[in-house]
C-alpha cells in the first residue's frame, strides 16, 4: 500500500483541526460536564419556569423578564433525546454580602408547603448535534457579560464590581456621585428634607425565600425638588433593588438650600427590607 506523503498528512490534520470543535458538547457526558453544578445564568432574564429554544438559542413563545439578580439557574438533570436536549433545574437568586455576589436557590409554593423553584428547559438539536454554541446563547457563567445590558441604575455599580471579578470594598464607593458644579452638603448648604416616603414592596421571590437586605441608592435632588440620576450604590439582590428604586422614585423632597436659596445636591437613601 502506498504511503501518504508527510506533507499530505500534515495538511489533512490541519483540515481536521479546523473543522472539529475544540470543546464539542454532543454527548450526555460532555453536556453534564458543561452544565451540572455550574453557576449558570439565563442571558435573557426570562421569568417563565418552562422555556423552549430553537437550535440557535432563540426563545420559542413568550416570557416576561426578571431582574438579572433573579436569573440564576442550577441544572440538576440532563436528558439527551434524538432531537431535543431536556434540562431540569432550580431557579437561583443573586444576593450581595456587602459587595460579593452569592447564589441562593429560590423558594416557591405557600408558606405551609414550600419547595425549590423548579425549571424545565427544552432545546432543539442543532445541526450535527453539538450544543456548544446554542448553550452559549442561552446561558452565561460570567456576571460580567450582563453589564452592557443592565439598566442605567446598575451601570456604575456593575462596572466597578462585576466587570473585573474583584468587588470593591472601598467605602468611598458609597458616597453619592457629585456631578461637576453641584453643591456639597455641609457648611452653608443645608440638606434636602424628605416630605413623603413610600414603603417598598417586597419582591415575591425574595419574600417566599425570606431574603432580606439593605439597598443603598444614590440620587440627585434638584433645586426644584425633582429626583434624577438614581443609581444603585450597594445592592441587596434578589430583585429587591428594583423594588427599592420604584419606591424611592416616588419620594417627595424639599430641595437643599444655600443662603436660603434652593440648590441641587446628591444624596444617598438606604432602603431596608426586613422579614418579620
C-alpha atoms as a PDB file:
ATOM      1  CA  UNK A   1       0.000   0.000   0.000  1.00  0.00           C
ATOM      2  CA  UNK A   2       1.361   3.374  -0.979  1.00  0.00           C
ATOM      3  CA  UNK A   3       2.326   5.657   1.884  1.00  0.00           C
ATOM      4  CA  UNK A   4       0.795   9.086   2.126  1.00  0.00           C
ATOM      5  CA  UNK A   5       3.441  11.821   1.862  1.00  0.00           C
ATOM      6  CA  UNK A   6       4.230  13.502   5.169  1.00  0.00           C
ATOM      7  CA  UNK A   7       3.191  16.902   3.798  1.00  0.00           C
ATOM      8  CA  UNK A   8      -0.217  15.484   2.828  1.00  0.00           C
ATOM      9  CA  UNK A   9      -0.689  14.020   6.320  1.00  0.00           C
ATOM     10  CA  UNK A  10       0.056  17.424   7.851  1.00  0.00           C
ATOM     11  CA  UNK A  11      -2.460  19.103   5.576  1.00  0.00           C
ATOM     12  CA  UNK A  12      -5.095  16.513   6.499  1.00  0.00           C
ATOM     13  CA  UNK A  13      -4.507  17.022  10.223  1.00  0.00           C
ATOM     14  CA  UNK A  14      -4.815  20.779   9.803  1.00  0.00           C
ATOM     15  CA  UNK A  15      -8.135  20.406   7.993  1.00  0.00           C
ATOM     16  CA  UNK A  16      -9.475  18.108  10.705  1.00  0.00           C
ATOM     17  CA  UNK A  17      -8.346  20.504  13.425  1.00  0.00           C
ATOM     18  CA  UNK A  18     -10.060  23.388  11.669  1.00  0.00           C
ATOM     19  CA  UNK A  19     -13.377  21.574  11.308  1.00  0.00           C
ATOM     20  CA  UNK A  20     -13.558  19.766  14.661  1.00  0.00           C
ATOM     21  CA  UNK A  21     -14.715  21.871  17.675  1.00  0.00           C
ATOM     22  CA  UNK A  22     -12.159  22.020  20.472  1.00  0.00           C
ATOM     23  CA  UNK A  23     -14.878  21.542  23.111  1.00  0.00           C
ATOM     24  CA  UNK A  24     -17.681  19.618  21.466  1.00  0.00           C
ATOM     25  CA  UNK A  25     -20.790  19.147  23.602  1.00  0.00           C
ATOM     26  CA  UNK A  26     -22.815  16.471  21.886  1.00  0.00           C
ATOM     27  CA  UNK A  27     -22.878  13.555  24.336  1.00  0.00           C
ATOM     28  CA  UNK A  28     -24.588  13.203  27.700  1.00  0.00           C
ATOM     29  CA  UNK A  29     -21.223  13.109  29.486  1.00  0.00           C
ATOM     30  CA  UNK A  30     -19.993  16.255  27.731  1.00  0.00           C
ATOM     31  CA  UNK A  31     -23.247  18.099  28.435  1.00  0.00           C
ATOM     32  CA  UNK A  32     -23.267  17.066  32.075  1.00  0.00           C
ATOM     33  CA  UNK A  33     -19.696  18.298  32.456  1.00  0.00           C
ATOM     34  CA  UNK A  34     -20.714  21.632  30.927  1.00  0.00           C
ATOM     35  CA  UNK A  35     -23.952  22.115  32.861  1.00  0.00           C
ATOM     36  CA  UNK A  36     -24.257  20.227  36.125  1.00  0.00           C
ATOM     37  CA  UNK A  37     -23.355  22.051  39.356  1.00  0.00           C
ATOM     38  CA  UNK A  38     -22.165  25.126  37.439  1.00  0.00           C
ATOM     39  CA  UNK A  39     -23.023  28.760  38.391  1.00  0.00           C
ATOM     40  CA  UNK A  40     -25.159  29.495  35.329  1.00  0.00           C
ATOM     41  CA  UNK A  41     -27.404  32.468  34.497  1.00  0.00           C
ATOM     42  CA  UNK A  42     -30.077  32.958  31.849  1.00  0.00           C
ATOM     43  CA  UNK A  43     -28.913  35.616  29.400  1.00  0.00           C
ATOM     44  CA  UNK A  44     -32.458  36.690  28.566  1.00  0.00           C
ATOM     45  CA  UNK A  45     -33.603  37.214  32.202  1.00  0.00           C
ATOM     46  CA  UNK A  46     -36.667  35.040  31.426  1.00  0.00           C
ATOM     47  CA  UNK A  47     -39.328  34.717  34.123  1.00  0.00           C
ATOM     48  CA  UNK A  48     -41.114  31.600  32.897  1.00  0.00           C
ATOM     49  CA  UNK A  49     -40.094  28.371  34.581  1.00  0.00           C
ATOM     50  CA  UNK A  50     -40.835  26.424  31.385  1.00  0.00           C
ATOM     51  CA  UNK A  51     -38.709  27.559  28.452  1.00  0.00           C
ATOM     52  CA  UNK A  52     -38.174  26.228  24.925  1.00  0.00           C
ATOM     53  CA  UNK A  53     -35.441  27.284  22.485  1.00  0.00           C
ATOM     54  CA  UNK A  54     -34.732  26.587  18.830  1.00  0.00           C
ATOM     55  CA  UNK A  55     -31.399  25.215  17.611  1.00  0.00           C
ATOM     56  CA  UNK A  56     -29.819  28.699  17.647  1.00  0.00           C
ATOM     57  CA  UNK A  57     -30.836  29.543  21.212  1.00  0.00           C
ATOM     58  CA  UNK A  58     -33.810  31.741  20.280  1.00  0.00           C
ATOM     59  CA  UNK A  59     -36.686  31.624  22.747  1.00  0.00           C
ATOM     60  CA  UNK A  60     -39.819  29.947  21.409  1.00  0.00           C
ATOM     61  CA  UNK A  61     -43.013  31.598  22.640  1.00  0.00           C
ATOM     62  CA  UNK A  62     -43.175  34.451  25.120  1.00  0.00           C
ATOM     63  CA  UNK A  63     -41.851  35.055  28.591  1.00  0.00           C
ATOM     64  CA  UNK A  64     -41.798  38.076  30.855  1.00  0.00           C
ATOM     65  CA  UNK A  65     -38.410  39.108  32.189  1.00  0.00           C
ATOM     66  CA  UNK A  66     -36.974  39.489  35.679  1.00  0.00           C
ATOM     67  CA  UNK A  67     -34.134  41.497  37.230  1.00  0.00           C
ATOM     68  CA  UNK A  68     -30.804  39.862  36.458  1.00  0.00           C
ATOM     69  CA  UNK A  69     -30.439  39.045  40.169  1.00  0.00           C
ATOM     70  CA  UNK A  70     -33.283  36.521  39.741  1.00  0.00           C
ATOM     71  CA  UNK A  71     -31.882  34.953  36.565  1.00  0.00           C
ATOM     72  CA  UNK A  72     -29.640  32.293  38.037  1.00  0.00           C
ATOM     73  CA  UNK A  73     -30.198  28.594  37.427  1.00  0.00           C
ATOM     74  CA  UNK A  74     -28.704  25.388  38.777  1.00  0.00           C
ATOM     75  CA  UNK A  75     -29.041  22.475  36.346  1.00  0.00           C
ATOM     76  CA  UNK A  76     -29.831  19.251  38.195  1.00  0.00           C
ATOM     77  CA  UNK A  77     -30.622  16.847  35.345  1.00  0.00           C
ATOM     78  CA  UNK A  78     -29.584  16.473  31.694  1.00  0.00           C
ATOM     79  CA  UNK A  79     -31.599  14.326  29.268  1.00  0.00           C
ATOM     80  CA  UNK A  80     -30.402  13.993  25.675  1.00  0.00           C
ATOM     81  CA  UNK A  81     -33.055  12.787  23.229  1.00  0.00           C
ATOM     82  CA  UNK A  82     -32.544  12.376  19.454  1.00  0.00           C
ATOM     83  CA  UNK A  83     -33.981  15.818  18.599  1.00  0.00           C
ATOM     84  CA  UNK A  84     -34.094  17.611  21.937  1.00  0.00           C
ATOM     85  CA  UNK A  85     -31.936  18.433  24.941  1.00  0.00           C
ATOM     86  CA  UNK A  86     -34.069  18.496  28.093  1.00  0.00           C
ATOM     87  CA  UNK A  87     -32.768  20.229  31.207  1.00  0.00           C
ATOM     88  CA  UNK A  88     -34.245  20.277  34.683  1.00  0.00           C
ATOM     89  CA  UNK A  89     -33.061  22.801  37.202  1.00  0.00           C
ATOM     90  CA  UNK A  90     -33.688  25.218  40.066  1.00  0.00           C
ATOM     91  CA  UNK A  91     -34.074  28.993  39.860  1.00  0.00           C
ATOM     92  CA  UNK A  92     -31.324  30.818  41.737  1.00  0.00           C
ATOM     93  CA  UNK A  93     -31.100  34.370  43.067  1.00  0.00           C
ATOM     94  CA  UNK A  94     -28.008  36.536  43.329  1.00  0.00           C
ATOM     95  CA  UNK A  95     -27.721  38.263  46.708  1.00  0.00           C
ATOM     96  CA  UNK A  96     -24.906  40.519  47.873  1.00  0.00           C
ATOM     97  CA  UNK A  97     -22.886  40.176  51.031  1.00  0.00           C
ATOM     98  CA  UNK A  98     -21.685  43.750  51.055  1.00  0.00           C
ATOM     99  CA  UNK A  99     -20.165  43.651  47.535  1.00  0.00           C
ATOM    100  CA  UNK A 100     -19.697  39.919  46.976  1.00  0.00           C
ATOM    101  CA  UNK A 101     -22.418  38.135  44.954  1.00  0.00           C
ATOM    102  CA  UNK A 102     -23.733  34.881  46.352  1.00  0.00           C
ATOM    103  CA  UNK A 103     -26.222  32.343  44.958  1.00  0.00           C
ATOM    104  CA  UNK A 104     -29.375  31.184  46.782  1.00  0.00           C
ATOM    105  CA  UNK A 105     -31.935  28.695  45.441  1.00  0.00           C
ATOM    106  CA  UNK A 106     -35.347  30.415  45.374  1.00  0.00           C
ATOM    107  CA  UNK A 107     -38.424  29.051  47.075  1.00  0.00           C
ATOM    108  CA  UNK A 108     -41.960  28.718  45.703  1.00  0.00           C
ATOM    109  CA  UNK A 109     -45.321  27.465  46.933  1.00  0.00           C
ATOM    110  CA  UNK A 110     -47.261  28.500  50.012  1.00  0.00           C
ATOM    111  CA  UNK A 111     -45.787  29.314  53.441  1.00  0.00           C
ATOM    112  CA  UNK A 112     -47.142  25.961  54.646  1.00  0.00           C
ATOM    113  CA  UNK A 113     -45.759  23.995  51.688  1.00  0.00           C
ATOM    114  CA  UNK A 114     -42.562  25.477  50.266  1.00  0.00           C
ATOM    115  CA  UNK A 115     -40.376  23.898  47.637  1.00  0.00           C
ATOM    116  CA  UNK A 116     -37.440  24.868  45.444  1.00  0.00           C
ATOM    117  CA  UNK A 117     -38.435  26.811  42.322  1.00  0.00           C
ATOM    118  CA  UNK A 118     -38.284  24.180  39.582  1.00  0.00           C
ATOM    119  CA  UNK A 119     -37.333  24.961  35.965  1.00  0.00           C
ATOM    120  CA  UNK A 120     -37.771  22.918  32.773  1.00  0.00           C
ATOM    121  CA  UNK A 121     -35.883  23.811  29.570  1.00  0.00           C
ATOM    122  CA  UNK A 122     -36.076  22.172  26.143  1.00  0.00           C
ATOM    123  CA  UNK A 123     -33.568  22.941  23.385  1.00  0.00           C
ATOM    124  CA  UNK A 124     -33.930  21.833  19.772  1.00  0.00           C
ATOM    125  CA  UNK A 125     -30.961  19.835  18.496  1.00  0.00           C
ATOM    126  CA  UNK A 126     -28.587  21.917  16.325  1.00  0.00           C
ATOM    127  CA  UNK A 127     -27.215  20.562  13.026  1.00  0.00           C
ATOM    128  CA  UNK A 128     -24.529  17.997  13.812  1.00  0.00           C
ATOM    129  CA  UNK A 129     -25.754  17.604  17.388  1.00  0.00           C
ATOM    130  CA  UNK A 130     -23.111  19.839  19.007  1.00  0.00           C
ATOM    131  CA  UNK A 131     -24.899  22.020  21.597  1.00  0.00           C
ATOM    132  CA  UNK A 132     -21.891  24.209  22.493  1.00  0.00           C
ATOM    133  CA  UNK A 133     -22.974  27.316  20.561  1.00  0.00           C
ATOM    134  CA  UNK A 134     -26.656  27.125  21.458  1.00  0.00           C
ATOM    135  CA  UNK A 135     -25.822  26.734  25.158  1.00  0.00           C
ATOM    136  CA  UNK A 136     -23.559  29.789  24.911  1.00  0.00           C
ATOM    137  CA  UNK A 137     -26.534  31.718  23.510  1.00  0.00           C
ATOM    138  CA  UNK A 138     -28.822  30.724  26.389  1.00  0.00           C
ATOM    139  CA  UNK A 139     -26.531  30.640  29.439  1.00  0.00           C
ATOM    140  CA  UNK A 140     -23.565  32.504  30.853  1.00  0.00           C
ATOM    141  CA  UNK A 141     -21.445  31.660  33.870  1.00  0.00           C
ATOM    142  CA  UNK A 142     -19.957  35.139  33.991  1.00  0.00           C
ATOM    143  CA  UNK A 143     -21.837  38.067  35.575  1.00  0.00           C
ATOM    144  CA  UNK A 144     -19.585  40.474  33.652  1.00  0.00           C
ATOM    145  CA  UNK A 145     -21.380  39.530  30.428  1.00  0.00           C
ATOM    146  CA  UNK A 146     -24.575  41.082  31.837  1.00  0.00           C
ATOM    147  CA  UNK A 147     -23.075  44.528  32.391  1.00  0.00           C
ATOM    148  CA  UNK A 148     -23.679  46.076  28.917  1.00  0.00           C
ATOM    149  CA  UNK A 149     -27.382  45.169  29.020  1.00  0.00           C
ATOM    150  CA  UNK A 150     -28.123  46.228  32.610  1.00  0.00           C
ATOM    151  CA  UNK A 151     -30.363  49.252  33.325  1.00  0.00           C
ATOM    152  CA  UNK A 152     -28.727  52.641  33.842  1.00  0.00           C
ATOM    153  CA  UNK A 153     -29.238  52.478  37.611  1.00  0.00           C
ATOM    154  CA  UNK A 154     -26.955  49.420  37.764  1.00  0.00           C
ATOM    155  CA  UNK A 155     -24.191  50.635  35.474  1.00  0.00           C
ATOM    156  CA  UNK A 156     -21.962  52.461  37.951  1.00  0.00           C
ATOM    157  CA  UNK A 157     -22.028  49.620  40.491  1.00  0.00           C
ATOM    158  CA  UNK A 158     -21.684  46.874  37.875  1.00  0.00           C
ATOM    159  CA  UNK A 159     -18.734  48.476  36.092  1.00  0.00           C
ATOM    160  CA  UNK A 160     -16.843  48.727  39.402  1.00  0.00           C
ATOM    161  CA  UNK A 161     -17.794  45.395  40.933  1.00  0.00           C
ATOM    162  CA  UNK A 162     -18.854  42.908  38.267  1.00  0.00           C
ATOM    163  CA  UNK A 163     -16.675  43.584  35.233  1.00  0.00           C
ATOM    164  CA  UNK A 164     -13.316  42.584  36.622  1.00  0.00           C
ATOM    165  CA  UNK A 165     -14.313  39.947  39.176  1.00  0.00           C
ATOM    166  CA  UNK A 166     -12.844  41.926  42.072  1.00  0.00           C
ATOM    167  CA  UNK A 167     -15.631  43.571  44.120  1.00  0.00           C
ATOM    168  CA  UNK A 168     -14.802  46.960  45.567  1.00  0.00           C
ATOM    169  CA  UNK A 169     -14.725  47.355  49.332  1.00  0.00           C
ATOM    170  CA  UNK A 170     -13.661  50.987  49.354  1.00  0.00           C
ATOM    171  CA  UNK A 171     -16.153  52.967  51.485  1.00  0.00           C
ATOM    172  CA  UNK A 172     -15.675  55.902  49.112  1.00  0.00           C
ATOM    173  CA  UNK A 173     -17.758  53.980  46.568  1.00  0.00           C
ATOM    174  CA  UNK A 174     -20.733  54.511  48.907  1.00  0.00           C
ATOM    175  CA  UNK A 175     -20.522  58.268  48.617  1.00  0.00           C
ATOM    176  CA  UNK A 176     -23.121  59.792  46.268  1.00  0.00           C
ATOM    177  CA  UNK A 177     -21.737  60.824  42.907  1.00  0.00           C
ATOM    178  CA  UNK A 178     -21.496  64.613  42.687  1.00  0.00           C
ATOM    179  CA  UNK A 179     -21.754  65.927  39.127  1.00  0.00           C
ATOM    180  CA  UNK A 180     -19.460  68.875  38.281  1.00  0.00           C
ATOM    181  CA  UNK A 181     -20.690  72.163  39.692  1.00  0.00           C
ATOM    182  CA  UNK A 182     -23.133  70.543  42.118  1.00  0.00           C
ATOM    183  CA  UNK A 183     -23.112  71.729  45.708  1.00  0.00           C
ATOM    184  CA  UNK A 184     -21.832  69.537  48.533  1.00  0.00           C
ATOM    185  CA  UNK A 185     -23.957  69.279  51.677  1.00  0.00           C
ATOM    186  CA  UNK A 186     -22.254  70.939  54.636  1.00  0.00           C
ATOM    187  CA  UNK A 187     -21.131  74.384  55.628  1.00  0.00           C
ATOM    188  CA  UNK A 188     -23.749  76.764  54.300  1.00  0.00           C
ATOM    189  CA  UNK A 189     -25.543  74.079  52.247  1.00  0.00           C
ATOM    190  CA  UNK A 190     -28.451  72.567  54.163  1.00  0.00           C
ATOM    191  CA  UNK A 191     -29.609  69.086  53.079  1.00  0.00           C
ATOM    192  CA  UNK A 192     -32.938  68.445  51.382  1.00  0.00           C
ATOM    193  CA  UNK A 193     -35.827  67.296  53.582  1.00  0.00           C
ATOM    194  CA  UNK A 194     -37.891  64.218  52.907  1.00  0.00           C
ATOM    195  CA  UNK A 195     -41.537  65.251  52.904  1.00  0.00           C
ATOM    196  CA  UNK A 196     -43.009  61.913  51.911  1.00  0.00           C
ATOM    197  CA  UNK A 197     -41.699  58.376  51.707  1.00  0.00           C
ATOM    198  CA  UNK A 198     -43.146  55.275  50.075  1.00  0.00           C
ATOM    199  CA  UNK A 199     -42.971  51.821  51.635  1.00  0.00           C
ATOM    200  CA  UNK A 200     -41.107  49.482  49.251  1.00  0.00           C
ATOM    201  CA  UNK A 201     -42.841  46.301  48.125  1.00  0.00           C
ATOM    202  CA  UNK A 202     -41.072  43.003  48.688  1.00  0.00           C
ATOM    203  CA  UNK A 203     -40.222  41.024  45.580  1.00  0.00           C
ATOM    204  CA  UNK A 204     -42.396  37.886  45.563  1.00  0.00           C
ATOM    205  CA  UNK A 205     -39.395  35.556  45.189  1.00  0.00           C
ATOM    206  CA  UNK A 206     -37.423  37.289  47.940  1.00  0.00           C
ATOM    207  CA  UNK A 207     -40.382  37.175  50.317  1.00  0.00           C
ATOM    208  CA  UNK A 208     -41.040  33.475  49.665  1.00  0.00           C
ATOM    209  CA  UNK A 209     -37.350  32.672  50.233  1.00  0.00           C
ATOM    210  CA  UNK A 210     -37.108  35.056  53.217  1.00  0.00           C
ATOM    211  CA  UNK A 211     -34.315  37.099  51.672  1.00  0.00           C
ATOM    212  CA  UNK A 212     -33.845  40.409  53.477  1.00  0.00           C
ATOM    213  CA  UNK A 213     -31.288  43.153  52.973  1.00  0.00           C
ATOM    214  CA  UNK A 214     -30.437  46.807  52.663  1.00  0.00           C
ATOM    215  CA  UNK A 215     -30.126  48.636  49.362  1.00  0.00           C
ATOM    216  CA  UNK A 216     -28.272  51.951  49.147  1.00  0.00           C
ATOM    217  CA  UNK A 217     -29.357  54.282  46.341  1.00  0.00           C
ATOM    218  CA  UNK A 218     -27.723  57.490  45.188  1.00  0.00           C
ATOM    219  CA  UNK A 219     -29.818  60.229  43.580  1.00  0.00           C
ATOM    220  CA  UNK A 220     -29.813  63.913  42.765  1.00  0.00           C
ATOM    221  CA  UNK A 221     -32.422  66.164  44.362  1.00  0.00           C
ATOM    222  CA  UNK A 222     -32.795  69.129  42.026  1.00  0.00           C
ATOM    223  CA  UNK A 223     -33.238  72.756  43.052  1.00  0.00           C
ATOM    224  CA  UNK A 224     -36.961  72.286  42.382  1.00  0.00           C
ATOM    225  CA  UNK A 225     -37.130  69.084  44.452  1.00  0.00           C
ATOM    226  CA  UNK A 226     -37.307  66.727  41.452  1.00  0.00           C
ATOM    227  CA  UNK A 227     -35.339  63.482  41.545  1.00  0.00           C
ATOM    228  CA  UNK A 228     -32.919  62.264  38.891  1.00  0.00           C
ATOM    229  CA  UNK A 229     -29.837  60.091  38.295  1.00  0.00           C
ATOM    230  CA  UNK A 230     -30.938  57.259  40.583  1.00  0.00           C
ATOM    231  CA  UNK A 231     -28.129  54.731  40.904  1.00  0.00           C
ATOM    232  CA  UNK A 232     -27.544  51.590  42.969  1.00  0.00           C
ATOM    233  CA  UNK A 233     -24.535  52.071  45.246  1.00  0.00           C
ATOM    234  CA  UNK A 234     -24.833  48.947  47.410  1.00  0.00           C
ATOM    235  CA  UNK A 235     -27.274  46.269  46.248  1.00  0.00           C
ATOM    236  CA  UNK A 236     -29.255  43.689  48.181  1.00  0.00           C
ATOM    237  CA  UNK A 237     -30.023  41.464  45.189  1.00  0.00           C
ATOM    238  CA  UNK A 238     -32.894  39.003  44.621  1.00  0.00           C
ATOM    239  CA  UNK A 239     -34.965  41.663  42.853  1.00  0.00           C
ATOM    240  CA  UNK A 240     -35.082  43.913  45.934  1.00  0.00           C
ATOM    241  CA  UNK A 241     -33.017  46.701  44.353  1.00  0.00           C
ATOM    242  CA  UNK A 242     -35.602  47.272  41.619  1.00  0.00           C
ATOM    243  CA  UNK A 243     -38.322  47.450  44.289  1.00  0.00           C
ATOM    244  CA  UNK A 244     -36.217  49.985  46.203  1.00  0.00           C
ATOM    245  CA  UNK A 245     -35.810  52.128  43.092  1.00  0.00           C
ATOM    246  CA  UNK A 246     -39.559  52.031  42.435  1.00  0.00           C
ATOM    247  CA  UNK A 247     -40.225  53.284  45.969  1.00  0.00           C
ATOM    248  CA  UNK A 248     -37.553  55.991  46.086  1.00  0.00           C
ATOM    249  CA  UNK A 249     -38.661  57.411  42.738  1.00  0.00           C
ATOM    250  CA  UNK A 250     -41.933  58.331  44.463  1.00  0.00           C
ATOM    251  CA  UNK A 251     -40.345  60.112  47.435  1.00  0.00           C
ATOM    252  CA  UNK A 252     -41.135  63.813  47.806  1.00  0.00           C
ATOM    253  CA  UNK A 253     -38.362  66.239  48.825  1.00  0.00           C
ATOM    254  CA  UNK A 254     -37.977  69.879  49.543  1.00  0.00           C
ATOM    255  CA  UNK A 255     -34.689  70.981  47.938  1.00  0.00           C
ATOM    256  CA  UNK A 256     -31.397  71.662  49.653  1.00  0.00           C
ATOM    257  CA  UNK A 257     -30.662  75.327  50.267  1.00  0.00           C
ATOM    258  CA  UNK A 258     -27.648  77.610  50.350  1.00  0.00           C
ATOM    259  CA  UNK A 259     -28.151  81.004  51.956  1.00  0.00           C
ATOM    260  CA  UNK A 260     -31.870  80.364  51.723  1.00  0.00           C
ATOM    261  CA  UNK A 261     -31.807  79.617  48.002  1.00  0.00           C
ATOM    262  CA  UNK A 262     -32.647  76.132  46.612  1.00  0.00           C
ATOM    263  CA  UNK A 263     -29.725  74.198  45.115  1.00  0.00           C
ATOM    264  CA  UNK A 264     -29.226  70.729  43.640  1.00  0.00           C
ATOM    265  CA  UNK A 265     -27.325  68.113  45.673  1.00  0.00           C
ATOM    266  CA  UNK A 266     -26.572  64.394  45.534  1.00  0.00           C
ATOM    267  CA  UNK A 267     -27.709  62.221  48.445  1.00  0.00           C
ATOM    268  CA  UNK A 268     -27.849  58.560  49.459  1.00  0.00           C
ATOM    269  CA  UNK A 269     -31.036  56.820  50.565  1.00  0.00           C
ATOM    270  CA  UNK A 270     -30.960  53.441  52.297  1.00  0.00           C
ATOM    271  CA  UNK A 271     -33.955  51.145  51.820  1.00  0.00           C
ATOM    272  CA  UNK A 272     -34.236  48.351  54.354  1.00  0.00           C
ATOM    273  CA  UNK A 273     -36.114  45.124  53.567  1.00  0.00           C
ATOM    274  CA  UNK A 274     -36.870  43.120  56.711  1.00  0.00           C
ATOM    275  CA  UNK A 275     -38.604  39.789  57.269  1.00  0.00           C
ATOM    276  CA  UNK A 276     -40.803  39.664  60.390  1.00  0.00           C
END
